[in-house]
C-alpha cells in the first residue's frame, strides 16, 4: 500500500492540530520542524517562560506533551502510524520529542483517529457546570485514556474532592497575594481587539464562583478591566487528579499526552473540562495533594456539563514551525482553542 506523501496540506493539518493543544497560561511553548527525509516531526521547547508559576518547567513539558498527542491524533487521521520518541537526544535538551510518520496511508490507529474531530472542539470551560453527573461509563473511558499514556487519573469521592479543592483554593489565595505571580498572570492577559496569537483574552477568563467553593484562577485580580460578574458554580463538583509514578521530564511529557487524551475523550462525549493547576505551583501544596501515597500529582481536571467556554487564540501554524534540513512548512493556518 502506498505511503501518503508529506505535502504542504498534510503538514498544515498536523501543525494546526498540534497548536490546538492547551498550554499553561496559553504560552504555547512549542516549535515544530519537519524532517521530510526520514518522515518525522521534531517537537522543541520554545515560547515564553513563567519563572514564578513554572520554575522547573514541569507545566511547559505537560503543555508540549499535549501538543505531541494532538500530532499523533492528526497523523492517525491522515493514515500514518505515529511513532513517538521522548527526549531523543541527550545533547539537545530543547528537543523534547520526535514523531515519526510510519506506515501506509488509509488506516491510522483507530484508537487515536476517532479523536480527531474533538481536537478543534476542545477548549477550557471556565464557566459553571450544571452539576449533572457525568456517567460512570464515560469516566471509565477517561481513566483508561490516561492509563494508555503512562499516567493515572483518579476520581476521588466527595470528601477527597473537597480536600483537593481546598488545597487548590489555598494555592489560588497564595498566587493572588504574591506580587510576582500576579504580575506574571497579568502579563499573559490580552486586551479586547488585540490578537497576539498568545495569552488569555480578557473576554475568555471566565467567571469566579460567588460562593467561593470553586477555585477558578483569577487572571485579572484588581486590574480595571471589564469582567463577568461572579456566578454560582456547581455545588457538587467532579474533579479528577492526573498523576504519575515518577517525576522526571519524560514523565511530564507522558502526563501531557495523558491529559490531552483525557480531554479529547471527554470532549467527544460532550463533556466540558477545565484545568485546576494552582496547588501544583507550590511545593508544599503539591506534596499535600500527593498525601501519603507514592505518586506525583500533575494537575486537576474539572469536568461536567455546561456552556462552551471562551476560546483563546493560537499562533498561526507556520509561526510555530522552525524548518529543519529538508523541511516543508505550510504557508498559513491557525487554530483557536483553550
Protein backbone atom coordinates (compact mmCIF):
# COMPACT_ATOMS: atom_id res chain seq x y z
CA UNK A 1 0.00 0.00 0.00
CA UNK A 2 1.34 3.43 -0.94
CA UNK A 3 2.53 5.68 1.86
CA UNK A 4 0.95 9.12 1.91
CA UNK A 5 3.15 12.00 0.76
CA UNK A 6 4.15 14.55 3.37
CA UNK A 7 2.91 17.51 1.37
CA UNK A 8 2.05 21.06 2.44
CA UNK A 9 -1.60 20.17 3.10
CA UNK A 10 -0.61 17.29 5.38
CA UNK A 11 1.89 19.44 7.26
CA UNK A 12 -0.77 22.11 7.72
CA UNK A 13 -3.19 19.53 9.19
CA UNK A 14 -0.53 18.20 11.55
CA UNK A 15 0.58 21.59 12.85
CA UNK A 16 -2.92 23.05 13.13
CA UNK A 17 -3.83 20.12 15.37
CA UNK A 18 -0.64 20.40 17.41
CA UNK A 19 -1.07 24.09 18.22
CA UNK A 20 -4.68 23.49 19.33
CA UNK A 21 -3.35 21.82 22.49
CA UNK A 22 -3.82 23.54 25.86
CA UNK A 23 -0.81 25.19 27.48
CA UNK A 24 -0.05 26.91 30.77
CA UNK A 25 -1.42 30.49 30.52
CA UNK A 26 -1.67 29.86 26.75
CA UNK A 27 2.07 30.40 26.34
CA UNK A 28 2.19 27.75 23.56
CA UNK A 29 5.76 26.74 24.47
CA UNK A 30 6.50 24.66 21.38
CA UNK A 31 8.16 24.75 17.97
CA UNK A 32 7.88 22.15 15.25
CA UNK A 33 10.23 21.12 12.48
CA UNK A 34 9.67 18.59 9.72
CA UNK A 35 12.45 16.36 8.54
CA UNK A 36 10.98 15.21 5.24
CA UNK A 37 13.97 12.94 4.66
CA UNK A 38 13.05 10.50 7.40
CA UNK A 39 9.36 11.45 7.70
CA UNK A 40 9.36 12.79 11.24
CA UNK A 41 8.25 15.90 13.11
CA UNK A 42 10.58 17.39 15.71
CA UNK A 43 8.93 19.00 18.74
CA UNK A 44 11.04 21.56 20.56
CA UNK A 45 10.58 23.71 23.65
CA UNK A 46 10.07 27.38 22.88
CA UNK A 47 7.92 30.33 23.84
CA UNK A 48 7.56 32.45 26.95
CA UNK A 49 8.72 31.10 30.28
CA UNK A 50 6.83 31.57 33.53
CA UNK A 51 9.61 31.68 36.15
CA UNK A 52 7.21 32.30 39.03
CA UNK A 53 4.43 29.90 38.08
CA UNK A 54 6.57 27.19 36.47
CA UNK A 55 10.17 27.47 37.70
CA UNK A 56 11.13 23.86 36.95
CA UNK A 57 9.37 23.88 33.54
CA UNK A 58 7.13 20.99 34.56
CA UNK A 59 3.99 22.69 33.22
CA UNK A 60 5.85 23.52 30.00
CA UNK A 61 6.55 19.82 29.49
CA UNK A 62 2.89 19.00 30.18
CA UNK A 63 1.88 21.53 27.54
CA UNK A 64 4.30 20.15 24.96
CA UNK A 65 3.16 16.62 25.74
CA UNK A 66 -0.42 17.66 24.96
CA UNK A 67 0.75 19.04 21.59
CA UNK A 68 2.58 15.78 20.87
CA UNK A 69 -0.62 13.84 21.47
CA UNK A 70 -2.54 16.10 19.08
CA UNK A 71 0.17 15.49 16.48
CA UNK A 72 -0.34 11.76 16.94
CA UNK A 73 -4.10 12.10 16.52
CA UNK A 74 -3.73 14.16 13.34
CA UNK A 75 -1.16 11.73 11.96
CA UNK A 76 -3.53 8.81 12.58
CA UNK A 77 -6.35 10.79 10.94
CA UNK A 78 -4.16 11.18 7.83
CA UNK A 79 -3.41 7.47 7.77
CA UNK A 80 0.02 7.30 9.35
CA UNK A 81 1.09 5.28 12.36
CA UNK A 82 2.78 7.86 14.63
CA UNK A 83 5.83 6.54 16.49
CA UNK A 84 6.97 8.81 19.33
CA UNK A 85 10.39 9.12 20.93
CA UNK A 86 10.59 11.31 24.02
CA UNK A 87 13.80 13.20 24.79
CA UNK A 88 15.58 11.54 21.86
CA UNK A 89 18.88 13.49 22.04
CA UNK A 90 20.58 13.93 25.41
CA UNK A 91 22.89 16.56 23.92
CA UNK A 92 19.89 18.60 22.70
CA UNK A 93 17.69 19.25 25.76
CA UNK A 94 15.31 21.54 23.85
CA UNK A 95 14.33 18.66 21.56
CA UNK A 96 11.53 17.13 23.62
CA UNK A 97 10.10 14.61 21.16
CA UNK A 98 10.09 13.30 17.64
CA UNK A 99 7.01 11.87 15.94
CA UNK A 100 7.87 9.53 13.09
CA UNK A 101 5.13 9.18 10.47
CA UNK A 102 5.28 5.48 9.74
CA UNK A 103 3.10 3.05 7.83
CA UNK A 104 0.92 3.17 4.75
CA UNK A 105 -1.92 5.58 4.07
CA UNK A 106 -5.58 4.85 4.67
CA UNK A 107 -5.75 3.16 8.07
CA UNK A 108 -4.32 5.02 11.04
CA UNK A 109 -4.69 3.61 14.55
CA UNK A 110 -8.46 3.67 15.25
CA UNK A 111 -7.96 4.43 18.96
CA UNK A 112 -6.49 7.79 18.00
CA UNK A 113 -8.13 8.52 14.66
CA UNK A 114 -11.63 8.79 16.12
CA UNK A 115 -10.49 11.64 18.40
CA UNK A 116 -9.54 13.97 15.54
CA UNK A 117 -12.91 15.76 15.37
CA UNK A 118 -12.58 16.65 19.06
CA UNK A 119 -9.24 18.45 18.59
CA UNK A 120 -10.78 21.66 17.28
CA UNK A 121 -13.84 21.48 19.57
CA UNK A 122 -11.88 21.05 22.80
CA UNK A 123 -11.23 24.16 24.84
CA UNK A 124 -11.41 25.01 28.50
CA UNK A 125 -14.74 25.99 30.00
CA UNK A 126 -14.21 28.40 32.89
CA UNK A 127 -17.94 28.74 33.49
CA UNK A 128 -20.30 27.00 35.95
CA UNK A 129 -21.38 23.46 35.13
CA UNK A 130 -24.88 22.16 35.69
CA UNK A 131 -23.95 19.64 38.38
CA UNK A 132 -25.44 16.76 36.36
CA UNK A 133 -23.07 13.82 36.96
CA UNK A 134 -21.02 12.50 34.07
CA UNK A 135 -21.95 8.81 33.60
CA UNK A 136 -19.56 6.27 35.04
CA UNK A 137 -19.03 4.72 31.60
CA UNK A 138 -17.55 7.98 30.30
CA UNK A 139 -15.44 8.47 33.42
CA UNK A 140 -14.11 4.94 32.97
CA UNK A 141 -13.06 5.78 29.40
CA UNK A 142 -11.33 8.92 30.64
CA UNK A 143 -9.35 6.99 33.25
CA UNK A 144 -8.45 4.32 30.68
CA UNK A 145 -7.24 7.06 28.31
CA UNK A 146 -4.76 8.33 30.92
CA UNK A 147 -3.52 4.83 31.63
CA UNK A 148 -2.75 4.13 27.96
CA UNK A 149 -0.34 7.10 28.02
CA UNK A 150 1.54 6.00 31.12
CA UNK A 151 -0.29 8.12 33.71
CA UNK A 152 -3.17 7.66 36.13
CA UNK A 153 -6.44 9.53 36.51
CA UNK A 154 -8.02 9.23 39.95
CA UNK A 155 -11.60 10.38 40.58
CA UNK A 156 -11.97 10.95 44.34
CA UNK A 157 -15.07 10.60 46.48
CA UNK A 158 -16.89 13.63 47.91
CA UNK A 159 -14.50 14.07 50.84
CA UNK A 160 -11.47 13.62 48.60
CA UNK A 161 -12.87 16.17 46.15
CA UNK A 162 -13.39 18.71 48.92
CA UNK A 163 -9.83 18.16 50.10
CA UNK A 164 -8.35 18.71 46.63
CA UNK A 165 -10.44 21.82 46.06
CA UNK A 166 -9.41 23.16 49.46
CA UNK A 167 -5.73 22.76 48.54
CA UNK A 168 -6.40 24.39 45.16
CA UNK A 169 -8.08 27.34 46.90
CA UNK A 170 -5.02 27.69 49.10
CA UNK A 171 -2.81 27.82 46.03
CA UNK A 172 -5.06 30.39 44.37
CA UNK A 173 -5.05 32.54 47.52
CA UNK A 174 -1.26 32.46 47.67
CA UNK A 175 -0.99 33.37 43.99
CA UNK A 176 -3.37 36.29 44.47
CA UNK A 177 -1.29 37.70 47.34
CA UNK A 178 2.09 37.21 45.62
CA UNK A 179 3.07 40.34 43.62
CA UNK A 180 5.42 38.47 41.29
CA UNK A 181 2.88 35.80 40.43
CA UNK A 182 0.03 38.23 39.92
CA UNK A 183 2.24 40.33 37.64
CA UNK A 184 3.13 37.22 35.66
CA UNK A 185 -0.55 36.28 35.26
CA UNK A 186 -1.45 39.84 34.26
CA UNK A 187 1.30 39.74 31.65
CA UNK A 188 -0.49 36.84 29.97
CA UNK A 189 -3.72 38.82 29.51
CA UNK A 190 -4.55 40.45 26.19
CA UNK A 191 -6.92 43.37 25.74
CA UNK A 192 -10.05 43.17 23.57
CA UNK A 193 -9.29 43.71 19.90
CA UNK A 194 -5.63 42.73 20.22
CA UNK A 195 -4.81 39.38 18.65
CA UNK A 196 -1.26 38.50 19.63
CA UNK A 197 -1.79 34.79 18.97
CA UNK A 198 -0.80 34.05 22.57
CA UNK A 199 -2.09 34.68 26.08
CA UNK A 200 -5.57 34.86 27.60
CA UNK A 201 -8.04 37.40 26.20
CA UNK A 202 -9.87 39.29 28.93
CA UNK A 203 -13.10 38.05 27.35
CA UNK A 204 -12.07 34.41 27.91
CA UNK A 205 -11.06 34.44 31.57
CA UNK A 206 -14.48 33.24 32.70
CA UNK A 207 -16.31 33.93 35.95
CA UNK A 208 -15.40 33.47 39.59
CA UNK A 209 -17.54 31.45 41.98
CA UNK A 210 -19.79 33.71 44.06
CA UNK A 211 -19.86 31.08 46.81
CA UNK A 212 -16.08 30.67 46.86
CA UNK A 213 -16.27 26.88 46.59
CA UNK A 214 -14.77 26.50 43.11
CA UNK A 215 -11.23 27.95 42.99
CA UNK A 216 -11.09 29.23 39.41
CA UNK A 217 -7.92 31.12 38.54
CA UNK A 218 -8.33 34.89 38.76
CA UNK A 219 -6.21 36.35 35.97
CA UNK A 220 -7.48 39.90 36.35
CA UNK A 221 -7.22 40.49 40.10
CA UNK A 222 -7.58 44.20 40.79
CA UNK A 223 -6.97 45.26 37.20
CA UNK A 224 -9.51 47.87 35.97
CA UNK A 225 -10.95 45.68 33.23
CA UNK A 226 -14.42 44.54 32.31
CA UNK A 227 -15.13 41.10 33.71
CA UNK A 228 -18.04 38.74 34.15
CA UNK A 229 -19.95 39.04 37.43
CA UNK A 230 -19.37 36.28 39.95
CA UNK A 231 -21.65 33.30 39.37
CA UNK A 232 -22.72 30.32 41.44
CA UNK A 233 -20.82 27.23 40.33
CA UNK A 234 -21.92 23.63 40.70
CA UNK A 235 -22.33 22.60 44.32
CA UNK A 236 -21.04 19.07 43.80
CA UNK A 237 -18.03 19.27 41.52
CA UNK A 238 -16.50 16.39 39.63
CA UNK A 239 -12.72 16.52 39.51
CA UNK A 240 -10.00 14.05 38.64
CA UNK A 241 -6.36 14.02 39.71
CA UNK A 242 -3.83 13.25 36.99
CA UNK A 243 -0.65 11.76 38.44
CA UNK A 244 2.42 9.77 37.52
CA UNK A 245 4.51 7.29 39.46
CA UNK A 246 7.72 9.30 38.89
CA UNK A 247 8.53 12.96 38.35
CA UNK A 248 11.09 13.13 35.55
CA UNK A 249 10.93 15.20 32.36
CA UNK A 250 9.82 12.10 30.48
CA UNK A 251 7.01 11.56 32.98
CA UNK A 252 5.83 15.16 32.50
CA UNK A 253 5.70 14.65 28.74
CA UNK A 254 3.74 11.43 29.20
CA UNK A 255 1.38 13.18 31.61
CA UNK A 256 0.78 15.88 29.00
CA UNK A 257 -0.17 13.24 26.45
CA UNK A 258 -2.42 11.59 29.02
CA UNK A 259 -4.03 14.95 29.79
CA UNK A 260 -4.88 15.56 26.16
CA UNK A 261 -6.14 12.01 25.64
CA UNK A 262 -8.48 12.51 28.62
CA UNK A 263 -9.65 15.93 27.42
CA UNK A 264 -10.35 14.75 23.87
CA UNK A 265 -12.20 11.69 25.16
CA UNK A 266 -14.38 13.91 27.35
CA UNK A 267 -14.97 16.35 24.50
CA UNK A 268 -16.05 13.56 22.16
CA UNK A 269 -18.91 12.83 24.59
CA UNK A 270 -19.92 16.46 25.03
CA UNK A 271 -18.29 16.79 28.44
CA UNK A 272 -16.73 20.17 29.27
CA UNK A 273 -13.40 20.42 31.06
CA UNK A 274 -11.12 22.93 32.72
CA UNK A 275 -7.76 22.61 34.42
CA UNK A 276 -7.00 23.46 38.05
CA UNK A 277 -3.25 23.77 38.47
CA UNK A 278 -2.80 26.24 41.36
CA UNK A 279 -1.95 23.71 44.08
CA UNK A 280 0.78 22.22 41.86
CA UNK A 281 2.55 25.60 41.77
CA UNK A 282 3.53 25.43 45.46
CA UNK A 283 5.85 22.66 46.64
CA UNK A 284 4.15 22.03 49.97
CA UNK A 285 0.64 22.06 48.50
CA UNK A 286 1.65 19.66 45.75
CA UNK A 287 3.09 17.35 48.41
CA UNK A 288 -0.18 17.64 50.34
CA UNK A 289 -2.11 16.65 47.21
CA UNK A 290 0.06 13.53 46.95
CA UNK A 291 -0.60 12.70 50.60
CA UNK A 292 0.93 9.52 51.95
CA UNK A 293 0.70 7.76 48.60
CA UNK A 294 3.70 7.24 46.35
CA UNK A 295 2.53 9.39 43.47
CA UNK A 296 3.48 12.63 41.73
CA UNK A 297 0.43 14.85 41.15
CA UNK A 298 0.45 16.81 37.90
CA UNK A 299 -2.89 18.66 37.82
CA UNK A 300 -6.62 18.51 38.50
CA UNK A 301 -9.22 18.22 35.75
CA UNK A 302 -12.67 19.63 36.47
CA UNK A 303 -15.32 18.09 34.24
CA UNK A 304 -19.07 18.20 33.74
CA UNK A 305 -21.85 19.53 31.57
CA UNK A 306 -22.30 23.22 30.87
CA UNK A 307 -21.75 26.05 28.42
CA UNK A 308 -18.92 26.12 25.95
CA UNK A 309 -16.12 28.22 27.35
CA UNK A 310 -14.44 31.21 25.74
CA UNK A 311 -11.80 30.46 23.15
CA UNK A 312 -8.19 31.55 23.43
CA UNK A 313 -6.07 32.43 20.39
CA UNK A 314 -3.44 30.30 18.75
CA UNK A 315 -0.41 31.44 16.85
CA UNK A 316 -0.60 30.60 13.16
CA UNK A 317 0.66 27.11 12.50
CA UNK A 318 3.50 28.35 10.29
CA UNK A 319 4.66 30.65 13.11
CA UNK A 320 5.02 27.61 15.37
CA UNK A 321 7.33 25.87 12.90
CA UNK A 322 11.10 26.06 12.66
CA UNK A 323 12.42 24.45 9.48
CA UNK A 324 14.98 21.70 9.73
CA UNK A 325 17.04 20.39 6.81
CA UNK A 326 14.69 19.13 4.13
CA UNK A 327 11.70 20.60 5.94
CA UNK A 328 8.39 21.59 4.42
CA UNK A 329 6.45 24.37 6.15
CA UNK A 330 2.85 25.36 5.41
CA UNK A 331 2.00 28.83 4.24
CA UNK A 332 -0.70 29.81 6.72
CA UNK A 333 -3.14 28.46 9.27
CA UNK A 334 -4.22 28.84 12.84
CA UNK A 335 -6.33 27.12 15.40
CA UNK A 336 -8.29 28.59 18.27
CA UNK A 337 -8.93 26.71 21.42
CA UNK A 338 -8.17 26.99 25.12
